[in-house]
Amino acid sequence: MKNLSLVLPFLFIMLVISSCSKDEINRFDNIVGVWERTDFNKDYNSTYKLIFASNNTGLSINTNTFSSTETTSSISEFKWNAIDDNTISLTQNDLDEVYLLSSNGYLVLSTQQNSLFLKVSDNIQNY
């Protein structure tokens, strides 16, 4: 009984410590995944995908489909960091961009408020 009274407080303290640190580590899990935006133009449509990995790296994929049914595509790597709970800095080809996570779930390029990315998947394995 004496051993139980010593072990029980220790287990409670370990539970509290592990639950706090886990929240801090996973607070940006909502960013990790695939975000997509499509722009419709007269002669072509552009689809932009931002793929955020949990190791603060990612891929940017741009696909253009022309009215002639020709398709072009490009891909480039980026690094990202969370500035605060709603702001992400993305560095690609020595260019820094800031994205905001809106209250309605969109990822928005701060300099172009009409550039709304919608999260389409939490799974990045298919991209």
C-alpha atoms as a PDB file:
ATOM      1  CA  MET A   1       0.000   0.000   0.000  1.00  0.00           C
ATOM      2  CA  LYS A   2       2.850   2.331   0.822  1.00  0.00           C
ATOM      3  CA  ASN A   3       4.390   1.704  -2.628  1.00  0.00           C
ATOM      4  CA  LEU A   4       1.067   2.488  -4.317  1.00  0.00           C
ATOM      5  CA  SER A   5       0.828   5.836  -2.543  1.00  0.00           C
ATOM      6  CA  LEU A   6       4.319   6.697  -3.859  1.00  0.00           C
ATOM      7  CA  VAL A   7       3.717   5.510  -7.422  1.00  0.00           C
ATOM      8  CA  LEU A   8       0.301   7.098  -7.925  1.00  0.00           C
ATOM      9  CA  PRO A   9       1.450  10.748  -7.570  1.00  0.00           C
ATOM     10  CA  PHE A  10       4.430  10.026  -9.814  1.00  0.00           C
ATOM     11  CA  LEU A  11       2.151   8.605 -12.542  1.00  0.00           C
ATOM     12  CA  PHE A  12      -0.180  11.609 -12.276  1.00  0.00           C
ATOM     13  CA  ILE A  13       2.728  14.054 -12.669  1.00  0.00           C
ATOM     14  CA  MET A  14       4.046  12.139 -15.713  1.00  0.00           C
ATOM     15  CA  LEU A  15       0.583  12.215 -17.294  1.00  0.00           C
ATOM     16  CA  VAL A  16       0.290  15.980 -16.824  1.00  0.00           C
ATOM     17  CA  ILE A  17       3.778  16.651 -18.195  1.00  0.00           C
ATOM     18  CA  SER A  18       3.350  14.455 -21.259  1.00  0.00           C
ATOM     19  CA  SER A  19      -0.046  15.924 -22.148  1.00  0.00           C
ATOM     20  CA  CYS A  20       1.238  19.517 -22.022  1.00  0.00           C
ATOM     21  CA  SER A  21       4.261  18.887 -24.188  1.00  0.00           C
ATOM     22  CA  LYS A  22       2.218  16.950 -26.752  1.00  0.00           C
ATOM     23  CA  ASP A  23      -0.126  19.933 -27.258  1.00  0.00           C
ATOM     24  CA  GLU A  24       2.816  22.228 -27.879  1.00  0.00           C
ATOM     25  CA  ILE A  25       4.427  19.872 -30.406  1.00  0.00           C
ATOM     26  CA  ASN A  26       1.230  19.292 -32.371  1.00  0.00           C
ATOM     27  CA  ARG A  27      -0.162  22.817 -32.421  1.00  0.00           C
ATOM     28  CA  PHE A  28       0.608  23.250 -36.145  1.00  0.00           C
ATOM     29  CA  ASP A  29      -0.674  19.859 -37.291  1.00  0.00           C
ATOM     30  CA  ASN A  30      -3.617  21.675 -38.889  1.00  0.00           C
ATOM     31  CA  ILE A  31      -1.165  23.178 -41.427  1.00  0.00           C
ATOM     32  CA  VAL A  32       0.364  19.841 -42.443  1.00  0.00           C
ATOM     33  CA  GLY A  33      -1.363  18.472 -45.530  1.00  0.00           C
ATOM     34  CA  VAL A  34      -2.350  19.512 -49.033  1.00  0.00           C
ATOM     35  CA  TRP A  35      -3.813  22.947 -49.767  1.00  0.00           C
ATOM     36  CA  GLU A  36      -5.250  23.792 -53.177  1.00  0.00           C
ATOM     37  CA  ARG A  37      -6.476  26.781 -55.148  1.00  0.00           C
ATOM     38  CA  THR A  38      -7.770  27.010 -58.729  1.00  0.00           C
ATOM     39  CA  ASP A  39      -7.849  30.169 -60.839  1.00  0.00           C
ATOM     40  CA  PHE A  40     -10.049  30.302 -63.938  1.00  0.00           C
ATOM     41  CA  ASN A  41      -8.851  32.464 -66.830  1.00  0.00           C
ATOM     42  CA  LYS A  42     -10.082  32.994 -70.377  1.00  0.00           C
ATOM     43  CA  ASP A  43      -7.452  30.838 -72.071  1.00  0.00           C
ATOM     44  CA  TYR A  44      -6.352  28.538 -69.269  1.00  0.00           C
ATOM     45  CA  ASN A  45      -7.024  27.325 -65.737  1.00  0.00           C
ATOM     46  CA  SER A  46      -4.314  27.236 -63.074  1.00  0.00           C
ATOM     47  CA  THR A  47      -4.265  24.880 -60.105  1.00  0.00           C
ATOM     48  CA  TYR A  48      -1.851  25.607 -57.285  1.00  0.00           C
ATOM     49  CA  LYS A  49      -1.054  23.040 -54.600  1.00  0.00           C
ATOM     50  CA  LEU A  50       0.947  23.687 -51.462  1.00  0.00           C
ATOM     51  CA  ILE A  51       2.006  20.503 -49.699  1.00  0.00           C
ATOM     52  CA  PHE A  52       3.160  21.094 -46.117  1.00  0.00           C
ATOM     53  CA  ALA A  53       5.156  18.290 -44.474  1.00  0.00           C
ATOM     54  CA  SER A  54       5.539  17.988 -40.704  1.00  0.00           C
ATOM     55  CA  ASN A  55       9.314  18.545 -40.937  1.00  0.00           C
ATOM     56  CA  ASN A  56       8.760  22.171 -42.085  1.00  0.00           C
ATOM     57  CA  THR A  57       9.450  21.409 -45.746  1.00  0.00           C
ATOM     58  CA  GLY A  58       7.040  21.266 -48.630  1.00  0.00           C
ATOM     59  CA  LEU A  59       6.291  21.266 -52.322  1.00  0.00           C
ATOM     60  CA  SER A  60       4.590  23.832 -54.517  1.00  0.00           C
ATOM     61  CA  ILE A  61       2.920  22.403 -57.638  1.00  0.00           C
ATOM     62  CA  ASN A  62       1.525  24.654 -60.360  1.00  0.00           C
ATOM     63  CA  THR A  63      -0.524  23.100 -63.186  1.00  0.00           C
ATOM     64  CA  ASN A  64      -1.885  25.087 -66.142  1.00  0.00           C
ATOM     65  CA  THR A  65      -4.496  23.571 -68.434  1.00  0.00           C
ATOM     66  CA  PHE A  66      -5.031  25.498 -71.653  1.00  0.00           C
ATOM     67  CA  SER A  67      -8.167  25.602 -73.812  1.00  0.00           C
ATOM     68  CA  SER A  68      -6.194  23.624 -76.407  1.00  0.00           C
ATOM     69  CA  THR A  69      -6.103  20.823 -73.761  1.00  0.00           C
ATOM     70  CA  GLU A  70      -2.342  21.253 -73.423  1.00  0.00           C
ATOM     71  CA  THR A  71      -1.144  20.990 -69.813  1.00  0.00           C
ATOM     72  CA  THR A  72       2.043  22.295 -68.249  1.00  0.00           C
ATOM     73  CA  SER A  73       3.216  21.675 -64.735  1.00  0.00           C
ATOM     74  CA  SER A  74       6.034  22.801 -62.450  1.00  0.00           C
ATOM     75  CA  ILE A  75       7.151  21.809 -58.982  1.00  0.00           C
ATOM     76  CA  SER A  76       9.485  23.436 -56.476  1.00  0.00           C
ATOM     77  CA  GLU A  77      10.503  22.854 -52.881  1.00  0.00           C
ATOM     78  CA  PHE A  78       9.974  25.262 -49.995  1.00  0.00           C
ATOM     79  CA  LYS A  79      10.601  25.578 -46.274  1.00  0.00           C
ATOM     80  CA  TRP A  80       7.951  26.852 -43.888  1.00  0.00           C
ATOM     81  CA  ASN A  81       7.818  28.116 -40.320  1.00  0.00           C
ATOM     82  CA  ALA A  82       4.972  29.147 -38.076  1.00  0.00           C
ATOM     83  CA  ILE A  83       5.316  32.751 -36.975  1.00  0.00           C
ATOM     84  CA  ASP A  84       2.331  32.532 -34.626  1.00  0.00           C
ATOM     85  CA  ASP A  85      -0.908  30.543 -34.338  1.00  0.00           C
ATOM     86  CA  ASN A  86      -2.347  31.976 -37.573  1.00  0.00           C
ATOM     87  CA  THR A  87       0.698  33.048 -39.611  1.00  0.00           C
ATOM     88  CA  ILE A  88       3.061  30.942 -41.708  1.00  0.00           C
ATOM     89  CA  SER A  89       6.252  32.076 -43.419  1.00  0.00           C
ATOM     90  CA  LEU A  90       7.098  30.190 -46.600  1.00  0.00           C
ATOM     91  CA  THR A  91      10.564  30.485 -48.214  1.00  0.00           C
ATOM     92  CA  GLN A  92      10.874  29.387 -51.819  1.00  0.00           C
ATOM     93  CA  ASN A  93      13.725  30.254 -54.226  1.00  0.00           C
ATOM     94  CA  ASP A  94      15.041  32.909 -51.775  1.00  0.00           C
ATOM     95  CA  LEU A  95      11.610  34.586 -51.740  1.00  0.00           C
ATOM     96  CA  ASP A  96       9.663  34.873 -48.479  1.00  0.00           C
ATOM     97  CA  GLU A  97       5.859  34.871 -48.499  1.00  0.00           C
ATOM     98  CA  VAL A  98       3.506  35.136 -45.560  1.00  0.00           C
ATOM     99  CA  TYR A  99       0.288  33.141 -45.385  1.00  0.00           C
ATOM    100  CA  LEU A 100      -2.534  33.614 -42.904  1.00  0.00           C
ATOM    101  CA  LEU A 101      -4.821  30.896 -41.604  1.00  0.00           C
ATOM    102  CA  SER A 102      -8.293  32.456 -41.695  1.00  0.00           C
ATOM    103  CA  SER A 103     -11.002  31.780 -39.134  1.00  0.00           C
ATOM    104  CA  ASN A 104     -13.073  29.981 -41.792  1.00  0.00           C
ATOM    105  CA  GLY A 105     -10.296  27.506 -42.592  1.00  0.00           C
ATOM    106  CA  TYR A 106      -8.612  29.033 -45.634  1.00  0.00           C
ATOM    107  CA  LEU A 107      -4.912  29.630 -46.092  1.00  0.00           C
ATOM    108  CA  VAL A 108      -4.532  33.120 -47.563  1.00  0.00           C
ATOM    109  CA  LEU A 109      -1.496  34.773 -49.137  1.00  0.00           C
ATOM    110  CA  SER A 110      -1.146  37.969 -47.102  1.00  0.00           C
ATOM    111  CA  THR A 111      -0.383  40.175 -50.119  1.00  0.00           C
ATOM    112  CA  GLN A 112      -3.279  38.796 -52.201  1.00  0.00           C
ATOM    113  CA  GLN A 113      -6.367  38.406 -50.065  1.00  0.00           C
ATOM    114  CA  ASN A 114      -8.242  36.754 -52.951  1.00  0.00           C
ATOM    115  CA  SER A 115      -5.685  33.903 -53.070  1.00  0.00           C
ATOM    116  CA  LEU A 116      -7.592  31.381 -50.974  1.00  0.00           C
ATOM    117  CA  PHE A 117      -6.197  27.890 -50.503  1.00  0.00           C
ATOM    118  CA  LEU A 118      -8.541  25.189 -49.214  1.00  0.00           C
ATOM    119  CA  LYS A 119      -7.171  22.174 -47.387  1.00  0.00           C
ATOM    120  CA  VAL A 120      -8.029  19.128 -49.507  1.00  0.00           C
ATOM    121  CA  SER A 121      -6.136  16.417 -47.639  1.00  0.00           C
ATOM    122  CA  ASP A 122      -4.294  15.685 -44.410  1.00  0.00           C
ATOM    123  CA  ASN A 123      -2.384  12.908 -46.191  1.00  0.00           C
ATOM    124  CA  ILE A 124       0.651  14.068 -48.163  1.00  0.00           C
ATOM    125  CA  GLN A 125       1.740  10.564 -49.217  1.00  0.00           C
ATOM    126  CA  ASN A 126      -0.089  10.717 -52.574  1.00  0.00           C
ATOM    127  CA  TYR A 127       1.709  13.878 -53.714  1.00  0.00           C
END
